[in-house]
Amino acid sequence: MGYNTLALSHTLSGKLPGEIVCPIPAPLPFGTPSKLQILRRCTLILSDPSQNHRIASLSAAYDILALRPTNEKTLQQACQSLECDIISLDLTERLDFYFKMKTMSQAVERGVKIEICYAPGVLATDSNARRNVISNATQLIRATRGRGLIISSEAQRAVACRGPADVINLAAIWGLGQERGKEAVSQLARSVVVSAQLKRSSFRGAVDVIHGGERPDVKQNGVPKAQSTQKRKADAMESKPPSLSGSQKTPSKRELKRQKKVQGLQSGSGDANGTPT
């Protein structure tokens, strides 16, 4: 369908186990295309802001961490302080709070992306679920002004997936422009993957040291480059003419001018004394 990166999601709620292990096997037991990248994602449902959710342990076990707040307090906590990659909302539910621009902009400024899932509304048999998806998505786009949004499927069946062009058109119906919709499907979605990988592999999420490989020893005419450079320098030294000694050194223009002036003075003094020139 045009996607080269997929994330398999595992949802957690309530009290977390003592040892957190990702149930998604790596590598997968079935074959996948060589150009397709499979990521493991955890969606943690937040219902109590005072609960210790052990975000660091979840981030270490999964490639992407998404938080799903269920009330206004947990949404504020996720937008302001919790370290995550995505804030995902269940748009099929009728929420008892409104999305505030100040709260959502705090998440956008921190680099956390807001997720809109379209599959639950596309295949929902309940008309209320579809109505809620449209209403919540429109309100979310208005609160964020279209910034920091990503659009994913959250599909449990292949029939619920749509191509990038269809997703962009669907977002345009909800009030998201074509350019913003294209960024939500491609550019911003990729930035989530890159930033999540950088957080887990770099120093404090800012500096990543990579090994660029050894410098290749390029040969020129069968001779290593370093030896070839030294040989050219030696040949240049041999072909350079030897420097002249002090007695054989060519006089400068200034010296020639001075000598000519001295000769003129000597010639003038000879004429005055009657000495033939």
Protein backbone atom coordinates (compact mmCIF):
# COMPACT_ATOMS: atom_id res chain seq x y z
CA MET A 1 0.00 0.00 0.00
CA GLY A 2 3.04 2.27 -0.08
CA TYR A 3 4.24 1.95 3.52
CA ASN A 4 7.78 0.86 4.36
CA THR A 5 7.53 0.93 8.19
CA LEU A 6 4.89 -0.80 10.33
CA ALA A 7 4.45 -0.83 14.10
CA LEU A 8 2.83 -3.79 15.85
CA SER A 9 1.08 -2.52 18.96
CA HIS A 10 0.60 -4.17 22.36
CA THR A 11 -1.83 -2.52 24.80
CA LEU A 12 -1.22 -2.47 28.54
CA SER A 13 -3.52 -1.24 31.31
CA GLY A 14 -3.71 -1.36 35.08
CA LYS A 15 -0.81 -2.51 37.22
CA LEU A 16 2.28 -3.47 35.28
CA PRO A 17 4.03 -6.80 35.94
CA GLY A 18 7.32 -6.91 37.83
CA GLU A 19 9.33 -7.90 34.75
CA ILE A 20 8.31 -6.17 31.55
CA VAL A 21 8.88 -8.29 28.47
CA CYS A 22 7.58 -7.49 25.02
CA PRO A 23 5.34 -10.35 23.79
CA ILE A 24 5.92 -9.47 20.13
CA PRO A 25 8.69 -11.78 18.89
CA ALA A 26 11.71 -10.39 17.11
CA PRO A 27 12.21 -11.50 14.45
CA LEU A 28 8.67 -12.40 13.46
CA PRO A 29 7.85 -16.09 12.89
CA PHE A 30 6.64 -15.37 9.35
CA GLY A 31 8.40 -13.89 6.39
CA THR A 32 8.29 -10.17 5.62
CA PRO A 33 9.59 -8.12 2.66
CA SER A 34 13.23 -7.17 2.96
CA LYS A 35 12.49 -3.42 2.65
CA LEU A 36 9.74 -3.48 5.30
CA GLN A 37 10.73 -2.34 8.79
CA ILE A 38 8.74 -3.85 11.68
CA LEU A 39 8.67 -1.97 14.99
CA ARG A 40 7.26 -2.98 18.37
CA ARG A 41 4.99 -0.48 20.05
CA CYS A 42 3.43 -0.32 23.50
CA THR A 43 0.18 1.59 24.13
CA LEU A 44 -0.23 2.27 27.84
CA ILE A 45 -3.68 3.29 29.07
CA LEU A 46 -3.54 6.03 31.70
CA SER A 47 -6.43 6.25 34.13
CA ASP A 48 -4.82 7.42 37.39
CA PRO A 49 -2.32 10.32 37.37
CA SER A 50 -0.85 9.24 40.72
CA GLN A 51 0.11 5.77 39.50
CA ASN A 52 3.77 5.01 38.81
CA HIS A 53 3.74 3.77 35.25
CA ARG A 54 7.46 2.90 35.01
CA ILE A 55 7.91 4.67 31.72
CA ALA A 56 11.66 3.96 31.59
CA SER A 57 11.14 0.19 31.77
CA LEU A 58 8.55 0.30 28.99
CA SER A 59 10.77 2.43 26.77
CA ALA A 60 13.60 -0.07 27.12
CA ALA A 61 11.41 -3.04 26.11
CA TYR A 62 9.66 -1.46 23.10
CA ASP A 63 10.65 0.60 20.08
CA ILE A 64 7.81 3.13 20.44
CA LEU A 65 5.87 4.14 23.55
CA ALA A 66 2.38 5.61 23.24
CA LEU A 67 0.25 6.87 26.11
CA ARG A 68 -3.55 6.79 26.01
CA PRO A 69 -5.11 9.13 28.60
CA THR A 70 -8.70 8.48 29.60
CA ASN A 71 -9.46 11.73 31.44
CA GLU A 72 -8.40 15.36 31.49
CA LYS A 73 -5.91 15.00 34.37
CA THR A 74 -3.97 12.17 32.74
CA LEU A 75 -4.03 14.07 29.44
CA GLN A 76 -2.47 17.12 31.11
CA GLN A 77 0.12 14.91 32.79
CA ALA A 78 1.03 13.22 29.49
CA CYS A 79 1.30 16.53 27.64
CA GLN A 80 3.33 18.30 30.32
CA SER A 81 5.77 15.86 31.91
CA LEU A 82 5.60 12.19 30.91
CA GLU A 83 8.33 10.98 28.55
CA CYS A 84 6.73 9.27 25.58
CA ASP A 85 6.77 9.28 21.80
CA ILE A 86 3.03 9.48 21.03
CA ILE A 87 -0.14 10.57 22.80
CA SER A 88 -2.92 8.41 21.40
CA LEU A 89 -6.58 9.07 22.21
CA ASP A 90 -9.56 6.76 21.87
CA LEU A 91 -11.66 8.93 19.61
CA THR A 92 -14.56 6.47 19.46
CA GLU A 93 -15.55 7.37 23.03
CA ARG A 94 -17.58 10.39 23.99
CA LEU A 95 -15.06 12.32 26.05
CA ASP A 96 -16.22 14.36 29.03
CA PHE A 97 -13.65 17.10 28.44
CA TYR A 98 -12.53 19.41 25.66
CA PHE A 99 -9.12 19.59 24.05
CA LYS A 100 -7.50 22.82 25.15
CA MET A 101 -5.04 24.52 22.84
CA LYS A 102 -2.67 25.37 25.70
CA THR A 103 -2.49 21.76 26.89
CA MET A 104 -2.00 20.27 23.43
CA SER A 105 0.60 22.87 22.45
CA GLN A 106 2.73 21.83 25.43
CA ALA A 107 3.03 18.33 23.97
CA VAL A 108 3.80 19.70 20.50
CA GLU A 109 6.55 21.96 21.87
CA ARG A 110 8.13 18.96 23.64
CA GLY A 111 8.23 17.02 20.38
CA VAL A 112 5.50 14.54 21.37
CA LYS A 113 3.16 13.72 18.49
CA ILE A 114 -0.64 13.50 18.80
CA GLU A 115 -2.16 10.45 17.10
CA ILE A 116 -5.47 10.14 15.26
CA CYS A 117 -6.57 6.55 14.52
CA TYR A 118 -9.07 6.17 11.68
CA ALA A 119 -9.75 2.42 11.55
CA PRO A 120 -12.09 2.25 14.60
CA GLY A 121 -14.31 4.84 12.97
CA VAL A 122 -14.13 3.40 9.45
CA LEU A 123 -15.22 -0.13 10.35
CA ALA A 124 -17.35 0.69 13.38
CA THR A 125 -20.80 -0.88 13.25
CA ASP A 126 -22.07 1.59 15.83
CA SER A 127 -23.06 4.93 14.34
CA ASN A 128 -22.23 6.67 17.61
CA ALA A 129 -18.60 5.51 17.33
CA ARG A 130 -18.28 7.02 13.86
CA ARG A 131 -19.89 10.23 15.02
CA ASN A 132 -17.51 10.43 17.97
CA VAL A 133 -14.47 9.86 15.75
CA ILE A 134 -15.45 12.69 13.43
CA SER A 135 -16.32 15.05 16.28
CA ASN A 136 -13.18 14.32 18.34
CA ALA A 137 -10.86 14.43 15.34
CA THR A 138 -12.28 17.79 14.26
CA GLN A 139 -11.90 19.18 17.76
CA LEU A 140 -8.35 17.83 18.03
CA ILE A 141 -7.33 19.40 14.72
CA ARG A 142 -8.77 22.72 15.85
CA ALA A 143 -7.00 22.58 19.23
CA THR A 144 -3.59 21.74 17.73
CA ARG A 145 -4.09 23.92 14.61
CA GLY A 146 -2.94 20.94 12.59
CA ARG A 147 0.54 20.88 14.16
CA GLY A 148 2.20 17.77 15.57
CA LEU A 149 -0.45 15.34 14.33
CA ILE A 150 0.15 11.87 12.95
CA ILE A 151 -2.50 9.61 11.45
CA SER A 152 -2.36 5.84 11.88
CA SER A 153 -4.80 3.00 11.38
CA GLU A 154 -4.88 1.01 14.63
CA ALA A 155 -6.33 -1.69 12.41
CA GLN A 156 -6.86 -5.18 13.73
CA ARG A 157 -7.67 -6.51 10.25
CA ALA A 158 -6.08 -5.81 6.89
CA VAL A 159 -9.40 -4.63 5.45
CA ALA A 160 -9.31 -1.61 7.79
CA CYS A 161 -6.06 -0.26 6.31
CA ARG A 162 -6.12 2.53 3.75
CA GLY A 163 -3.50 3.92 1.43
CA PRO A 164 -1.72 7.23 2.09
CA ALA A 165 -3.81 9.14 -0.46
CA ASP A 166 -7.07 7.89 1.05
CA VAL A 167 -5.90 8.85 4.55
CA ILE A 168 -5.01 12.36 3.39
CA ASN A 169 -8.44 12.79 1.79
CA LEU A 170 -10.13 11.50 4.93
CA ALA A 171 -8.19 13.98 7.08
CA ALA A 172 -9.19 16.78 4.70
CA ILE A 173 -12.85 15.97 5.41
CA TRP A 174 -12.13 16.35 9.13
CA GLY A 175 -10.61 19.78 8.56
CA LEU A 176 -6.90 19.02 8.10
CA GLY A 177 -5.36 20.58 5.00
CA GLN A 178 -3.73 18.55 2.25
CA GLU A 179 -0.20 19.64 3.16
CA ARG A 180 -0.72 18.97 6.86
CA GLY A 181 -2.31 15.62 6.05
CA LYS A 182 0.64 14.60 3.91
CA GLU A 183 3.05 15.54 6.70
CA ALA A 184 0.97 13.56 9.22
CA VAL A 185 1.22 10.39 7.14
CA SER A 186 4.84 10.67 5.98
CA GLN A 187 7.21 13.26 7.46
CA LEU A 188 5.95 13.51 11.05
CA ALA A 189 5.34 9.77 11.27
CA ARG A 190 8.95 9.15 10.26
CA SER A 191 10.18 11.68 12.81
CA VAL A 192 8.50 9.63 15.56
CA VAL A 193 10.48 6.56 14.52
CA VAL A 194 13.77 8.45 14.23
CA SER A 195 13.42 10.33 17.53
CA ALA A 196 12.36 7.18 19.39
CA GLN A 197 15.41 5.33 18.09
CA LEU A 198 17.65 8.28 18.97
CA LYS A 199 16.35 8.37 22.55
CA ARG A 200 17.22 4.72 23.08
CA SER A 201 20.60 4.61 21.33
CA SER A 202 22.15 8.03 22.01
CA PHE A 203 23.48 9.89 25.01
CA ARG A 204 20.56 11.72 26.66
CA GLY A 205 18.71 11.72 23.38
CA ALA A 206 21.01 14.35 21.88
CA VAL A 207 24.36 12.88 20.84
CA ASP A 208 24.72 9.67 18.87
CA VAL A 209 28.18 8.28 18.09
CA ILE A 210 28.37 6.03 15.07
CA HIS A 211 31.26 4.13 13.50
CA GLY A 212 31.90 5.32 9.99
CA GLY A 213 34.29 2.50 9.14
CA GLU A 214 37.99 2.45 8.41
CA ARG A 215 39.47 4.75 5.80
CA PRO A 216 39.94 2.76 2.60
CA ASP A 217 43.52 2.38 1.36
CA VAL A 218 43.06 3.40 -2.26
CA LYS A 219 45.73 2.13 -4.61
CA GLN A 220 47.03 4.06 -7.60
CA ASN A 221 48.76 1.96 -10.26
CA GLY A 222 49.10 -0.91 -7.80
CA VAL A 223 50.78 1.27 -5.13
CA PRO A 224 48.99 2.31 -1.90
CA LYS A 225 47.91 5.95 -1.84
CA ALA A 226 50.19 6.92 1.04
CA GLN A 227 53.27 5.44 -0.64
CA SER A 228 52.26 6.97 -3.97
CA THR A 229 52.07 10.44 -2.38
CA GLN A 230 55.53 10.04 -0.81
CA LYS A 231 56.95 8.84 -4.13
CA ARG A 232 55.57 11.90 -5.95
CA LYS A 233 57.16 14.20 -3.35
CA ALA A 234 60.53 12.45 -3.75
CA ASP A 235 60.36 12.71 -7.54
CA ALA A 236 59.54 16.40 -7.29
CA MET A 237 62.56 17.00 -5.04
CA GLU A 238 64.87 15.18 -7.45
CA SER A 239 63.58 17.06 -10.52
CA LYS A 240 63.94 20.49 -8.85
CA PRO A 241 67.11 22.33 -10.01
CA PRO A 242 69.76 22.96 -7.33
CA SER A 243 69.74 26.38 -5.75
CA LEU A 244 72.44 28.82 -6.79
CA SER A 245 75.20 29.81 -4.39
CA GLY A 246 75.64 33.31 -3.12
CA SER A 247 78.25 34.19 -5.83
CA GLN A 248 76.15 32.78 -8.69
CA LYS A 249 72.85 34.11 -7.47
CA THR A 250 71.01 36.31 -9.98
CA PRO A 251 70.92 39.92 -8.71
CA SER A 252 67.57 41.51 -8.12
CA LYS A 253 66.25 44.56 -9.99
CA ARG A 254 67.07 46.77 -7.07
CA GLU A 255 70.68 45.55 -7.04
CA LEU A 256 71.00 46.06 -10.81
CA LYS A 257 69.68 49.61 -10.46
CA ARG A 258 72.19 50.35 -7.69
CA GLN A 259 75.10 48.96 -9.71
CA LYS A 260 74.09 51.07 -12.72
CA LYS A 261 73.95 54.18 -10.57
CA VAL A 262 77.46 53.47 -9.16
CA GLN A 263 78.84 52.98 -12.64
CA GLY A 264 77.30 56.31 -13.74
CA LEU A 265 78.91 58.13 -10.80
CA GLN A 266 82.28 56.56 -11.52
CA SER A 267 82.00 57.54 -15.19
CA GLY A 268 81.14 61.15 -14.31
CA SER A 269 84.08 61.48 -11.88
CA GLY A 270 86.48 60.13 -14.58
CA ASP A 271 85.40 62.81 -17.06
CA ALA A 272 85.88 65.59 -14.54
CA ASN A 273 89.52 64.49 -13.75
CA GLY A 274 90.41 64.14 -17.42
CA THR A 275 90.57 60.42 -17.23
CA PRO A 276 89.34 58.73 -20.40
CA THR A 277 86.28 56.69 -20.00
